[in-house]
Amino acid sequence: MNITIDIGNSSSKITLFADNVVVNHFQFKQLTEKDLSAILDKAKPQSGIFCSVKKVEPWLVSTLADKLTGYYELTTQLALPLTIDYQTPQTLGMDRVAAAVGAWSQKPPPIG
C-alpha cells in the first residue's frame, strides 16, 4: 500500500493505492496530525509521496518518517522521469508536475 498527500491552498487530499489501484481517498479542509496518523495507523502504507503549496509543517515530516518505510517530497529537486524545461521551476505548481508525471506514466511504450 502507498499513500499520496497533496496539501493545497483550499484543501488537502490523501489517496491510498494498492498495486496502482485507488483503495481510498480522503479530503480535508485542514489536514491535522491526528487525521493523518489515524489514516496511517489504519491503512499501514509502506511508502508515499507528498507535495504542499504551503510551508511544510514539521509534524508532517516526522509523522511520515515514523510511520512509513520511505517517503518523498515532490519538489523540483526530486529525480523525475521527465525534464522540467520551465524557466523558473521553483514557481511551477507541484500539482502540475504531478499531473505531468502521471500523464507520462500512462503513455504507451515505444514501438520497436
PDB file of N, CA and C in Angstrom:
ATOM      1  N   MET A   1       0.859  -1.178   0.000  1.00  0.00           N
ATOM      2  CA  MET A   1       0.000   0.000   0.000  1.00  0.00           C
ATOM      3  C   MET A   1       0.898   1.232   0.000  1.00  0.00           C
ATOM      4  N   ASN A   2       0.522   2.234  -0.806  1.00  0.00           N
ATOM      5  CA  ASN A   2       1.216   3.513  -0.888  1.00  0.00           C
ATOM      6  C   ASN A   2       0.235   4.643  -0.615  1.00  0.00           C
ATOM      7  N   ILE A   3       0.784   5.804  -0.258  1.00  0.00           N
ATOM      8  CA  ILE A   3      -0.047   6.964   0.056  1.00  0.00           C
ATOM      9  C   ILE A   3       0.481   8.186  -0.689  1.00  0.00           C
ATOM     10  N   THR A   4      -0.443   9.010  -1.173  1.00  0.00           N
ATOM     11  CA  THR A   4      -0.086  10.312  -1.718  1.00  0.00           C
ATOM     12  C   THR A   4      -0.822  11.372  -0.907  1.00  0.00           C
ATOM     13  N   ILE A   5      -0.135  12.482  -0.669  1.00  0.00           N
ATOM     14  CA  ILE A   5      -0.708  13.582   0.101  1.00  0.00           C
ATOM     15  C   ILE A   5      -0.477  14.861  -0.688  1.00  0.00           C
ATOM     16  N   ASP A   6      -1.550  15.574  -0.977  1.00  0.00           N
ATOM     17  CA  ASP A   6      -1.487  16.829  -1.719  1.00  0.00           C
ATOM     18  C   ASP A   6      -2.086  17.918  -0.837  1.00  0.00           C
ATOM     19  N   ILE A   7      -1.220  18.807  -0.356  1.00  0.00           N
ATOM     20  CA  ILE A   7      -1.680  19.887   0.511  1.00  0.00           C
ATOM     21  C   ILE A   7      -1.776  21.157  -0.332  1.00  0.00           C
ATOM     22  N   GLY A   8      -3.004  21.558  -0.612  1.00  0.00           N
ATOM     23  CA  GLY A   8      -3.251  22.730  -1.435  1.00  0.00           C
ATOM     24  C   GLY A   8      -3.674  23.926  -0.601  1.00  0.00           C
ATOM     25  N   ASN A   9      -4.033  24.993  -1.280  1.00  0.00           N
ATOM     26  CA  ASN A   9      -4.460  26.206  -0.577  1.00  0.00           C
ATOM     27  C   ASN A   9      -5.821  26.056   0.086  1.00  0.00           C
ATOM     28  N   SER A  10      -6.743  25.355  -0.572  1.00  0.00           N
ATOM     29  CA  SER A  10      -8.097  25.281  -0.038  1.00  0.00           C
ATOM     30  C   SER A  10      -8.433  23.933   0.593  1.00  0.00           C
ATOM     31  N   SER A  11      -7.652  22.880   0.294  1.00  0.00           N
ATOM     32  CA  SER A  11      -7.908  21.578   0.903  1.00  0.00           C
ATOM     33  C   SER A  11      -6.680  20.692   0.783  1.00  0.00           C
ATOM     34  N   SER A  12      -6.710  19.612   1.547  1.00  0.00           N
ATOM     35  CA  SER A  12      -5.659  18.589   1.475  1.00  0.00           C
ATOM     36  C   SER A  12      -6.316  17.289   1.072  1.00  0.00           C
ATOM     37  N   LYS A  13      -5.647  16.582   0.172  1.00  0.00           N
ATOM     38  CA  LYS A  13      -6.191  15.324  -0.334  1.00  0.00           C
ATOM     39  C   LYS A  13      -5.203  14.198  -0.073  1.00  0.00           C
ATOM     40  N   ILE A  14      -5.717  13.072   0.380  1.00  0.00           N
ATOM     41  CA  ILE A  14      -4.923  11.878   0.639  1.00  0.00           C
ATOM     42  C   ILE A  14      -5.540  10.739  -0.157  1.00  0.00           C
ATOM     43  N   THR A  15      -4.693   9.998  -0.868  1.00  0.00           N
ATOM     44  CA  THR A  15      -5.160   8.840  -1.618  1.00  0.00           C
ATOM     45  C   THR A  15      -4.287   7.647  -1.270  1.00  0.00           C
ATOM     46  N   LEU A  16      -4.922   6.511  -1.048  1.00  0.00           N
ATOM     47  CA  LEU A  16      -4.230   5.253  -0.772  1.00  0.00           C
ATOM     48  C   LEU A  16      -4.326   4.360  -1.995  1.00  0.00           C
ATOM     49  N   PHE A  17      -3.193   3.743  -2.348  1.00  0.00           N
ATOM     50  CA  PHE A  17      -3.113   2.879  -3.524  1.00  0.00           C
ATOM     51  C   PHE A  17      -2.582   1.512  -3.143  1.00  0.00           C
ATOM     52  N   ALA A  18      -3.100   0.478  -3.779  1.00  0.00           N
ATOM     53  CA  ALA A  18      -2.542  -0.870  -3.697  1.00  0.00           C
ATOM     54  C   ALA A  18      -2.416  -1.370  -5.129  1.00  0.00           C
ATOM     55  N   ASP A  19      -1.210  -1.720  -5.526  1.00  0.00           N
ATOM     56  CA  ASP A  19      -0.965  -2.176  -6.902  1.00  0.00           C
ATOM     57  C   ASP A  19      -1.535  -1.203  -7.938  1.00  0.00           C
ATOM     58  N   ASN A  20      -1.278   0.076  -7.744  1.00  0.00           N
ATOM     59  CA  ASN A  20      -1.711   1.142  -8.656  1.00  0.00           C
ATOM     60  C   ASN A  20      -3.222   1.294  -8.771  1.00  0.00           C
ATOM     61  N   VAL A  21      -3.955   0.754  -7.828  1.00  0.00           N
ATOM     62  CA  VAL A  21      -5.413   0.894  -7.796  1.00  0.00           C
ATOM     63  C   VAL A  21      -5.780   1.718  -6.564  1.00  0.00           C
ATOM     64  N   VAL A  22      -6.636   2.721  -6.746  1.00  0.00           N
ATOM     65  CA  VAL A  22      -7.073   3.548  -5.623  1.00  0.00           C
ATOM     66  C   VAL A  22      -7.910   2.702  -4.667  1.00  0.00           C
ATOM     67  N   VAL A  23      -7.490   2.691  -3.412  1.00  0.00           N
ATOM     68  CA  VAL A  23      -8.196   1.932  -2.375  1.00  0.00           C
ATOM     69  C   VAL A  23      -9.110   2.848  -1.571  1.00  0.00           C
ATOM     70  N   ASN A  24      -8.631   4.070  -1.313  1.00  0.00           N
ATOM     71  CA  ASN A  24      -9.428   5.011  -0.528  1.00  0.00           C
ATOM     72  C   ASN A  24      -8.934   6.424  -0.809  1.00  0.00           C
ATOM     73  N   HIS A  25      -9.814   7.389  -0.593  1.00  0.00           N
ATOM     74  CA  HIS A  25      -9.476   8.790  -0.838  1.00  0.00           C
ATOM     75  C   HIS A  25     -10.117   9.634   0.265  1.00  0.00           C
ATOM     76  N   PHE A  26      -9.375  10.617   0.741  1.00  0.00           N
ATOM     77  CA  PHE A  26      -9.856  11.498   1.809  1.00  0.00           C
ATOM     78  C   PHE A  26      -9.590  12.943   1.404  1.00  0.00           C
ATOM     79  N   GLN A  27     -10.462  13.841   1.859  1.00  0.00           N
ATOM     80  CA  GLN A  27     -10.244  15.259   1.619  1.00  0.00           C
ATOM     81  C   GLN A  27     -10.539  16.012   2.913  1.00  0.00           C
ATOM     82  N   PHE A  28      -9.653  16.941   3.243  1.00  0.00           N
ATOM     83  CA  PHE A  28      -9.769  17.723   4.475  1.00  0.00           C
ATOM     84  C   PHE A  28      -9.622  19.199   4.147  1.00  0.00           C
ATOM     85  N   LYS A  29     -10.419  20.010   4.811  1.00  0.00           N
ATOM     86  CA  LYS A  29     -10.237  21.452   4.681  1.00  0.00           C
ATOM     87  C   LYS A  29      -8.876  21.834   5.265  1.00  0.00           C
ATOM     88  N   GLN A  30      -8.529  21.237   6.389  1.00  0.00           N
ATOM     89  CA  GLN A  30      -7.241  21.463   7.054  1.00  0.00           C
ATOM     90  C   GLN A  30      -6.755  20.117   7.586  1.00  0.00           C
ATOM     91  N   LEU A  31      -5.712  19.565   6.995  1.00  0.00           N
ATOM     92  CA  LEU A  31      -5.165  18.290   7.451  1.00  0.00           C
ATOM     93  C   LEU A  31      -4.478  18.482   8.798  1.00  0.00           C
ATOM     94  N   THR A  32      -4.792  17.595   9.737  1.00  0.00           N
ATOM     95  CA  THR A  32      -4.155  17.661  11.051  1.00  0.00           C
ATOM     96  C   THR A  32      -3.305  16.413  11.267  1.00  0.00           C
ATOM     97  N   GLU A  33      -2.415  16.512  12.232  1.00  0.00           N
ATOM     98  CA  GLU A  33      -1.576  15.372  12.583  1.00  0.00           C
ATOM     99  C   GLU A  33      -2.434  14.194  13.028  1.00  0.00           C
ATOM    100  N   LYS A  34      -3.489  14.469  13.760  1.00  0.00           N
ATOM    101  CA  LYS A  34      -4.401  13.426  14.236  1.00  0.00           C
ATOM    102  C   LYS A  34      -5.066  12.703  13.066  1.00  0.00           C
ATOM    103  N   ASP A  35      -5.550  13.473  12.072  1.00  0.00           N
ATOM    104  CA  ASP A  35      -6.186  12.878  10.892  1.00  0.00           C
ATOM    105  C   ASP A  35      -5.209  11.985  10.128  1.00  0.00           C
ATOM    106  N   LEU A  36      -4.014  12.514   9.881  1.00  0.00           N
ATOM    107  CA  LEU A  36      -3.018  11.756   9.129  1.00  0.00           C
ATOM    108  C   LEU A  36      -2.609  10.499   9.878  1.00  0.00           C
ATOM    109  N   SER A  37      -2.360  10.611  11.163  1.00  0.00           N
ATOM    110  CA  SER A  37      -1.969   9.446  11.965  1.00  0.00           C
ATOM    111  C   SER A  37      -3.041   8.370  11.954  1.00  0.00           C
ATOM    112  N   ALA A  38      -4.298   8.778  12.040  1.00  0.00           N
ATOM    113  CA  ALA A  38      -5.403   7.809  12.028  1.00  0.00           C
ATOM    114  C   ALA A  38      -5.421   7.030  10.705  1.00  0.00           C
ATOM    115  N   ILE A  39      -5.231   7.731   9.597  1.00  0.00           N
ATOM    116  CA  ILE A  39      -5.220   7.065   8.290  1.00  0.00           C
ATOM    117  C   ILE A  39      -4.022   6.124   8.186  1.00  0.00           C
ATOM    118  N   LEU A  40      -2.845   6.606   8.581  1.00  0.00           N
ATOM    119  CA  LEU A  40      -1.636   5.780   8.504  1.00  0.00           C
ATOM    120  C   LEU A  40      -1.727   4.556   9.410  1.00  0.00           C
ATOM    121  N   ASP A  41      -2.268   4.730  10.613  1.00  0.00           N
ATOM    122  CA  ASP A  41      -2.380   3.609  11.553  1.00  0.00           C
ATOM    123  C   ASP A  41      -3.355   2.544  11.058  1.00  0.00           C
ATOM    124  N   LYS A  42      -4.433   2.967  10.413  1.00  0.00           N
ATOM    125  CA  LYS A  42      -5.426   2.010   9.934  1.00  0.00           C
ATOM    126  C   LYS A  42      -4.981   1.335   8.628  1.00  0.00           C
ATOM    127  N   ALA A  43      -4.495   2.113   7.663  1.00  0.00           N
ATOM    128  CA  ALA A  43      -4.169   1.569   6.343  1.00  0.00           C
ATOM    129  C   ALA A  43      -2.785   0.920   6.296  1.00  0.00           C
ATOM    130  N   LYS A  44      -1.867   1.400   7.100  1.00  0.00           N
ATOM    131  CA  LYS A  44      -0.494   0.887   7.166  1.00  0.00           C
ATOM    132  C   LYS A  44       0.232   0.887   5.812  1.00  0.00           C
ATOM    133  N   PRO A  45       0.233   2.039   5.111  1.00  0.00           N
ATOM    134  CA  PRO A  45       1.004   2.085   3.862  1.00  0.00           C
ATOM    135  C   PRO A  45       2.491   1.976   4.159  1.00  0.00           C
ATOM    136  N   GLN A  46       3.244   1.463   3.195  1.00  0.00           N
ATOM    137  CA  GLN A  46       4.685   1.320   3.390  1.00  0.00           C
ATOM    138  C   GLN A  46       5.439   2.563   2.940  1.00  0.00           C
ATOM    139  N   SER A  47       4.984   3.184   1.854  1.00  0.00           N
ATOM    140  CA  SER A  47       5.714   4.328   1.314  1.00  0.00           C
ATOM    141  C   SER A  47       4.747   5.362   0.773  1.00  0.00           C
ATOM    142  N   GLY A  48       5.291   6.549   0.481  1.00  0.00           N
ATOM    143  CA  GLY A  48       4.429   7.597  -0.015  1.00  0.00           C
ATOM    144  C   GLY A  48       5.177   8.782  -0.561  1.00  0.00           C
ATOM    145  N   ILE A  49       4.401   9.729  -1.039  1.00  0.00           N
ATOM    146  CA  ILE A  49       4.924  10.980  -1.564  1.00  0.00           C
ATOM    147  C   ILE A  49       3.945  12.081  -1.195  1.00  0.00           C
ATOM    148  N   PHE A  50       4.486  13.277  -0.946  1.00  0.00           N
ATOM    149  CA  PHE A  50       3.615  14.399  -0.639  1.00  0.00           C
ATOM    150  C   PHE A  50       4.118  15.645  -1.337  1.00  0.00           C
ATOM    151  N   CYS A  51       3.198  16.571  -1.533  1.00  0.00           N
ATOM    152  CA  CYS A  51       3.570  17.897  -2.010  1.00  0.00           C
ATOM    153  C   CYS A  51       2.685  18.907  -1.294  1.00  0.00           C
ATOM    154  N   SER A  52       3.207  20.110  -1.209  1.00  0.00           N
ATOM    155  CA  SER A  52       2.480  21.153  -0.498  1.00  0.00           C
ATOM    156  C   SER A  52       2.753  22.504  -1.137  1.00  0.00           C
ATOM    157  N   VAL A  53       1.705  23.301  -1.277  1.00  0.00           N
ATOM    158  CA  VAL A  53       1.885  24.666  -1.751  1.00  0.00           C
ATOM    159  C   VAL A  53       2.186  25.598  -0.579  1.00  0.00           C
ATOM    160  N   LYS A  54       2.046  25.061   0.624  1.00  0.00           N
ATOM    161  CA  LYS A  54       2.300  25.831   1.840  1.00  0.00           C
ATOM    162  C   LYS A  54       3.641  25.404   2.440  1.00  0.00           C
ATOM    163  N   LYS A  55       4.052  26.128   3.452  1.00  0.00           N
ATOM    164  CA  LYS A  55       5.241  25.729   4.200  1.00  0.00           C
ATOM    165  C   LYS A  55       4.952  24.355   4.812  1.00  0.00           C
ATOM    166  N   VAL A  56       5.885  23.433   4.658  1.00  0.00           N
ATOM    167  CA  VAL A  56       5.684  22.080   5.172  1.00  0.00           C
ATOM    168  C   VAL A  56       5.822  22.103   6.692  1.00  0.00           C
ATOM    169  N   GLU A  57       4.785  21.632   7.354  1.00  0.00           N
ATOM    170  CA  GLU A  57       4.790  21.600   8.811  1.00  0.00           C
ATOM    171  C   GLU A  57       5.714  20.484   9.307  1.00  0.00           C
ATOM    172  N   PRO A  58       6.510  20.733  10.344  1.00  0.00           N
ATOM    173  CA  PRO A  58       7.418  19.700  10.862  1.00  0.00           C
ATOM    174  C   PRO A  58       6.704  18.415  11.281  1.00  0.00           C
ATOM    175  N   TRP A  59       5.482  18.522  11.801  1.00  0.00           N
ATOM    176  CA  TRP A  59       4.764  17.312  12.234  1.00  0.00           C
ATOM    177  C   TRP A  59       4.479  16.389  11.053  1.00  0.00           C
ATOM    178  N   LEU A  60       4.287  16.955   9.863  1.00  0.00           N
ATOM    179  CA  LEU A  60       4.007  16.130   8.691  1.00  0.00           C
ATOM    180  C   LEU A  60       5.207  15.238   8.378  1.00  0.00           C
ATOM    181  N   VAL A  61       6.366  15.836   8.317  1.00  0.00           N
ATOM    182  CA  VAL A  61       7.585  15.082   8.011  1.00  0.00           C
ATOM    183  C   VAL A  61       7.874  14.056   9.096  1.00  0.00           C
ATOM    184  N   SER A  62       7.753  14.438  10.359  1.00  0.00           N
ATOM    185  CA  SER A  62       8.051  13.485  11.444  1.00  0.00           C
ATOM    186  C   SER A  62       7.041  12.344  11.486  1.00  0.00           C
ATOM    187  N   THR A  63       5.771  12.620  11.196  1.00  0.00           N
ATOM    188  CA  THR A  63       4.758  11.564  11.172  1.00  0.00           C
ATOM    189  C   THR A  63       5.043  10.580  10.046  1.00  0.00           C
ATOM    190  N   LEU A  64       5.370  11.090   8.862  1.00  0.00           N
ATOM    191  CA  LEU A  64       5.691  10.206   7.743  1.00  0.00           C
ATOM    192  C   LEU A  64       6.952   9.394   8.031  1.00  0.00           C
ATOM    193  N   ALA A  65       7.950  10.028   8.604  1.00  0.00           N
ATOM    194  CA  ALA A  65       9.201   9.326   8.926  1.00  0.00           C
ATOM    195  C   ALA A  65       8.967   8.229   9.959  1.00  0.00           C
ATOM    196  N   ASP A  66       8.073   8.473  10.906  1.00  0.00           N
ATOM    197  CA  ASP A  66       7.784   7.487  11.962  1.00  0.00           C
ATOM    198  C   ASP A  66       6.958   6.312  11.462  1.00  0.00           C
ATOM    199  N   LYS A  67       6.063   6.551  10.505  1.00  0.00           N
ATOM    200  CA  LYS A  67       5.073   5.531  10.159  1.00  0.00           C
ATOM    201  C   LYS A  67       5.260   4.873   8.789  1.00  0.00           C
ATOM    202  N   LEU A  68       6.162   5.411   7.958  1.00  0.00           N
ATOM    203  CA  LEU A  68       6.389   4.833   6.635  1.00  0.00           C
ATOM    204  C   LEU A  68       7.812   4.309   6.517  1.00  0.00           C
ATOM    205  N   THR A  69       7.987   3.293   5.687  1.00  0.00           N
ATOM    206  CA  THR A  69       9.325   2.789   5.394  1.00  0.00           C
ATOM    207  C   THR A  69      10.114   3.839   4.627  1.00  0.00           C
ATOM    208  N   GLY A  70       9.447   4.532   3.716  1.00  0.00           N
ATOM    209  CA  GLY A  70      10.081   5.583   2.933  1.00  0.00           C
ATOM    210  C   GLY A  70       9.053   6.537   2.381  1.00  0.00           C
ATOM    211  N   TYR A  71       9.482   7.768   2.151  1.00  0.00           N
ATOM    212  CA  TYR A  71       8.594   8.764   1.570  1.00  0.00           C
ATOM    213  C   TYR A  71       9.437   9.807   0.847  1.00  0.00           C
ATOM    214  N   TYR A  72       8.782  10.532  -0.040  1.00  0.00           N
ATOM    215  CA  TYR A  72       9.420  11.601  -0.802  1.00  0.00           C
ATOM    216  C   TYR A  72       8.568  12.852  -0.712  1.00  0.00           C
ATOM    217  N   GLU A  73       9.228  13.991  -0.827  1.00  0.00           N
ATOM    218  CA  GLU A  73       8.518  15.246  -1.029  1.00  0.00           C
ATOM    219  C   GLU A  73       8.679  15.598  -2.499  1.00  0.00           C
ATOM    220  N   LEU A  74       7.584  15.836  -3.184  1.00  0.00           N
ATOM    221  CA  LEU A  74       7.632  16.212  -4.587  1.00  0.00           C
ATOM    222  C   LEU A  74       8.093  17.666  -4.681  1.00  0.00           C
ATOM    223  N   THR A  75       9.304  17.841  -5.174  1.00  0.00           N
ATOM    224  CA  THR A  75       9.869  19.165  -5.410  1.00  0.00           C
ATOM    225  C   THR A  75      10.553  19.140  -6.772  1.00  0.00           C
ATOM    226  N   THR A  76      11.017  20.285  -7.208  1.00  0.00           N
ATOM    227  CA  THR A  76      11.748  20.342  -8.476  1.00  0.00           C
ATOM    228  C   THR A  76      13.114  19.674  -8.350  1.00  0.00           C
ATOM    229  N   GLN A  77      13.548  19.368  -7.127  1.00  0.00           N
ATOM    230  CA  GLN A  77      14.833  18.712  -6.905  1.00  0.00           C
ATOM    231  C   GLN A  77      14.724  17.191  -6.996  1.00  0.00           C
ATOM    232  N   LEU A  78      13.527  16.653  -6.940  1.00  0.00           N
ATOM    233  CA  LEU A  78      13.327  15.203  -6.966  1.00  0.00           C
ATOM    234  C   LEU A  78      13.567  14.667  -8.380  1.00  0.00           C
ATOM    235  N   ALA A  79      14.285  13.557  -8.471  1.00  0.00           N
ATOM    236  CA  ALA A  79      14.513  12.928  -9.778  1.00  0.00           C
ATOM    237  C   ALA A  79      13.170  12.481 -10.355  1.00  0.00           C
ATOM    238  N   LEU A  80      12.885  12.927 -11.564  1.00  0.00           N
ATOM    239  CA  LEU A  80      11.613  12.623 -12.223  1.00  0.00           C
ATOM    240  C   LEU A  80      11.886  11.948 -13.560  1.00  0.00           C
ATOM    241  N   PRO A  81      10.904  11.229 -14.100  1.00  0.00           N
ATOM    242  CA  PRO A  81      11.108  10.552 -15.383  1.00  0.00           C
ATOM    243  C   PRO A  81      10.959  11.488 -16.588  1.00  0.00           C
ATOM    244  N   LEU A  82      10.857  12.777 -16.336  1.00  0.00           N
ATOM    245  CA  LEU A  82      10.745  13.750 -17.407  1.00  0.00           C
ATOM    246  C   LEU A  82      11.539  14.998 -17.029  1.00  0.00           C
ATOM    247  N   THR A  83      11.797  15.827 -18.006  1.00  0.00           N
ATOM    248  CA  THR A  83      12.566  17.043 -17.777  1.00  0.00           C
ATOM    249  C   THR A  83      11.619  18.227 -17.632  1.00  0.00           C
ATOM    250  N   ILE A  84      11.845  19.028 -16.608  1.00  0.00           N
ATOM    251  CA  ILE A  84      11.078  20.260 -16.442  1.00  0.00           C
ATOM    252  C   ILE A  84      11.874  21.365 -17.124  1.00  0.00           C
ATOM    253  N   ASP A  85      11.381  21.791 -18.271  1.00  0.00           N
ATOM    254  CA  ASP A  85      12.062  22.820 -19.044  1.00  0.00           C
ATOM    255  C   ASP A  85      11.314  24.143 -18.867  1.00  0.00           C
ATOM    256  N   TYR A  86      11.166  24.515 -17.626  1.00  0.00           N
ATOM    257  CA  TYR A  86      10.433  25.720 -17.249  1.00  0.00           C
ATOM    258  C   TYR A  86      11.464  26.710 -16.739  1.00  0.00           C
ATOM    259  N   GLN A  87      11.377  27.959 -17.163  1.00  0.00           N
ATOM    260  CA  GLN A  87      12.414  28.932 -16.836  1.00  0.00           C
ATOM    261  C   GLN A  87      12.605  29.100 -15.325  1.00  0.00           C
ATOM    262  N   THR A  88      11.534  29.070 -14.566  1.00  0.00           N
ATOM    263  CA  THR A  88      11.626  29.194 -13.102  1.00  0.00           C
ATOM    264  C   THR A  88      10.890  28.008 -12.474  1.00  0.00           C
ATOM    265  N   PRO A  89      11.517  26.817 -12.439  1.00  0.00           N
ATOM    266  CA  PRO A  89      10.819  25.622 -11.954  1.00  0.00           C
ATOM    267  C   PRO A  89      10.327  25.738 -10.516  1.00  0.00           C
ATOM    268  N   GLN A  90      10.979  26.555  -9.701  1.00  0.00           N
ATOM    269  CA  GLN A  90      10.533  26.701  -8.311  1.00  0.00           C
ATOM    270  C   GLN A  90       9.184  27.411  -8.202  1.00  0.00           C
ATOM    271  N   THR A  91       8.750  28.073  -9.276  1.00  0.00           N
ATOM    272  CA  THR A  91       7.441  28.724  -9.258  1.00  0.00           C
ATOM    273  C   THR A  91       6.354  27.873  -9.917  1.00  0.00           C
ATOM    274  N   LEU A  92       6.747  26.736 -10.442  1.00  0.00           N
ATOM    275  CA  LEU A  92       5.789  25.838 -11.086  1.00  0.00           C
ATOM    276  C   LEU A  92       5.050  25.047 -10.003  1.00  0.00           C
ATOM    277  N   GLY A  93       3.744  25.030 -10.058  1.00  0.00           N
ATOM    278  CA  GLY A  93       2.961  24.308  -9.059  1.00  0.00           C
ATOM    279  C   GLY A  93       3.256  22.812  -9.098  1.00  0.00           C
ATOM    280  N   MET A  94       3.498  22.236  -7.943  1.00  0.00           N
ATOM    281  CA  MET A  94       3.819  20.811  -7.873  1.00  0.00           C
ATOM    282  C   MET A  94       2.647  19.947  -8.302  1.00  0.00           C
ATOM    283  N   ASP A  95       1.418  20.473  -8.203  1.00  0.00           N
ATOM    284  CA  ASP A  95       0.264  19.728  -8.708  1.00  0.00           C
ATOM    285  C   ASP A  95       0.374  19.551 -10.223  1.00  0.00           C
ATOM    286  N   ARG A  96       0.925  20.536 -10.902  1.00  0.00           N
ATOM    287  CA  ARG A  96       1.122  20.434 -12.353  1.00  0.00           C
ATOM    288  C   ARG A  96       2.224  19.435 -12.685  1.00  0.00           C
ATOM    289  N   VAL A  97       3.268  19.438 -11.864  1.00  0.00           N
ATOM    290  CA  VAL A  97       4.350  18.466 -12.060  1.00  0.00           C
ATOM    291  C   VAL A  97       3.799  17.056 -11.853  1.00  0.00           C
ATOM    292  N   ALA A  98       3.010  16.867 -10.792  1.00  0.00           N
ATOM    293  CA  ALA A  98       2.428  15.551 -10.512  1.00  0.00           C
ATOM    294  C   ALA A  98       1.532  15.104 -11.672  1.00  0.00           C
ATOM    295  N   ALA A  99       0.752  16.022 -12.222  1.00  0.00           N
ATOM    296  CA  ALA A  99      -0.113  15.684 -13.362  1.00  0.00           C
ATOM    297  C   ALA A  99       0.718  15.293 -14.581  1.00  0.00           C
ATOM    298  N   ALA A 100       1.818  15.999 -14.812  1.00  0.00           N
ATOM    299  CA  ALA A 100       2.680  15.681 -15.956  1.00  0.00           C
ATOM    300  C   ALA A 100       3.317  14.302 -15.789  1.00  0.00           C
ATOM    301  N   VAL A 101       3.782  13.997 -14.591  1.00  0.00           N
ATOM    302  CA  VAL A 101       4.376  12.678 -14.339  1.00  0.00           C
ATOM    303  C   VAL A 101       3.312  11.590 -14.482  1.00  0.00           C
ATOM    304  N   GLY A 102       2.108  11.860 -13.988  1.00  0.00           N
ATOM    305  CA  GLY A 102       1.011  10.899 -14.154  1.00  0.00           C
ATOM    306  C   GLY A 102       0.698  10.650 -15.612  1.00  0.00           C
ATOM    307  N   ALA A 103       0.654  11.706 -16.411  1.00  0.00           N
ATOM    308  CA  ALA A 103       0.404  11.545 -17.848  1.00  0.00           C
ATOM    309  C   ALA A 103       1.543  10.772 -18.504  1.00  0.00           C
ATOM    310  N   TRP A 104       2.778  11.092 -18.125  1.00  0.00           N
ATOM    311  CA  TRP A 104       3.943  10.386 -18.672  1.00  0.00           C
ATOM    312  C   TRP A 104       3.854   8.890 -18.371  1.00  0.00           C
ATOM    313  N   SER A 105       3.422   8.557 -17.152  1.00  0.00           N
ATOM    314  CA  SER A 105       3.362   7.140 -16.775  1.00  0.00           C
ATOM    315  C   SER A 105       2.295   6.369 -17.536  1.00  0.00           C
ATOM    316  N   GLN A 106       1.337   7.074 -18.122  1.00  0.00           N
ATOM    317  CA  GLN A 106       0.256   6.444 -18.877  1.00  0.00           C
ATOM    318  C   GLN A 106       0.558   6.314 -20.363  1.00  0.00           C
ATOM    319  N   LYS A 107       1.687   6.895 -20.799  1.00  0.00           N
ATOM    320  CA  LYS A 107       1.996   6.870 -22.232  1.00  0.00           C
ATOM    321  C   LYS A 107       2.298   5.453 -22.687  1.00  0.00           C
ATOM    322  N   PRO A 108       1.969   5.141 -23.920  1.00  0.00           N
ATOM    323  CA  PRO A 108       2.273   3.801 -24.422  1.00  0.00           C
ATOM    324  C   PRO A 108       3.787   3.625 -24.576  1.00  0.00           C
ATOM    325  N   PRO A 109       4.290   2.412 -24.372  1.00  0.00           N
ATOM    326  CA  PRO A 109       5.723   2.180 -24.552  1.00  0.00           C
ATOM    327  C   PRO A 109       6.124   2.367 -26.009  1.00  0.00           C
ATOM    328  N   PRO A 110       7.394   2.740 -26.251  1.00  0.00           N
ATOM    329  CA  PRO A 110       7.824   2.931 -27.636  1.00  0.00           C
ATOM    330  C   PRO A 110       7.749   1.617 -28.422  1.00  0.00           C
ATOM    331  N   ILE A 111       7.467   1.732 -29.694  1.00  0.00           N
ATOM    332  CA  ILE A 111       7.398   0.557 -30.573  1.00  0.00           C
ATOM    333  C   ILE A 111       8.792   0.275 -31.114  1.00  0.00           C
ATOM    334  N   GLY A 112       9.155  -1.004 -31.076  1.00  0.00           N
ATOM    335  CA  GLY A 112      10.426  -1.422 -31.661  1.00  0.00           C
ATOM    336  C   GLY A 112      11.495  -1.279 -30.701  1.00  0.00           C
TER     337      GLY A 112
END
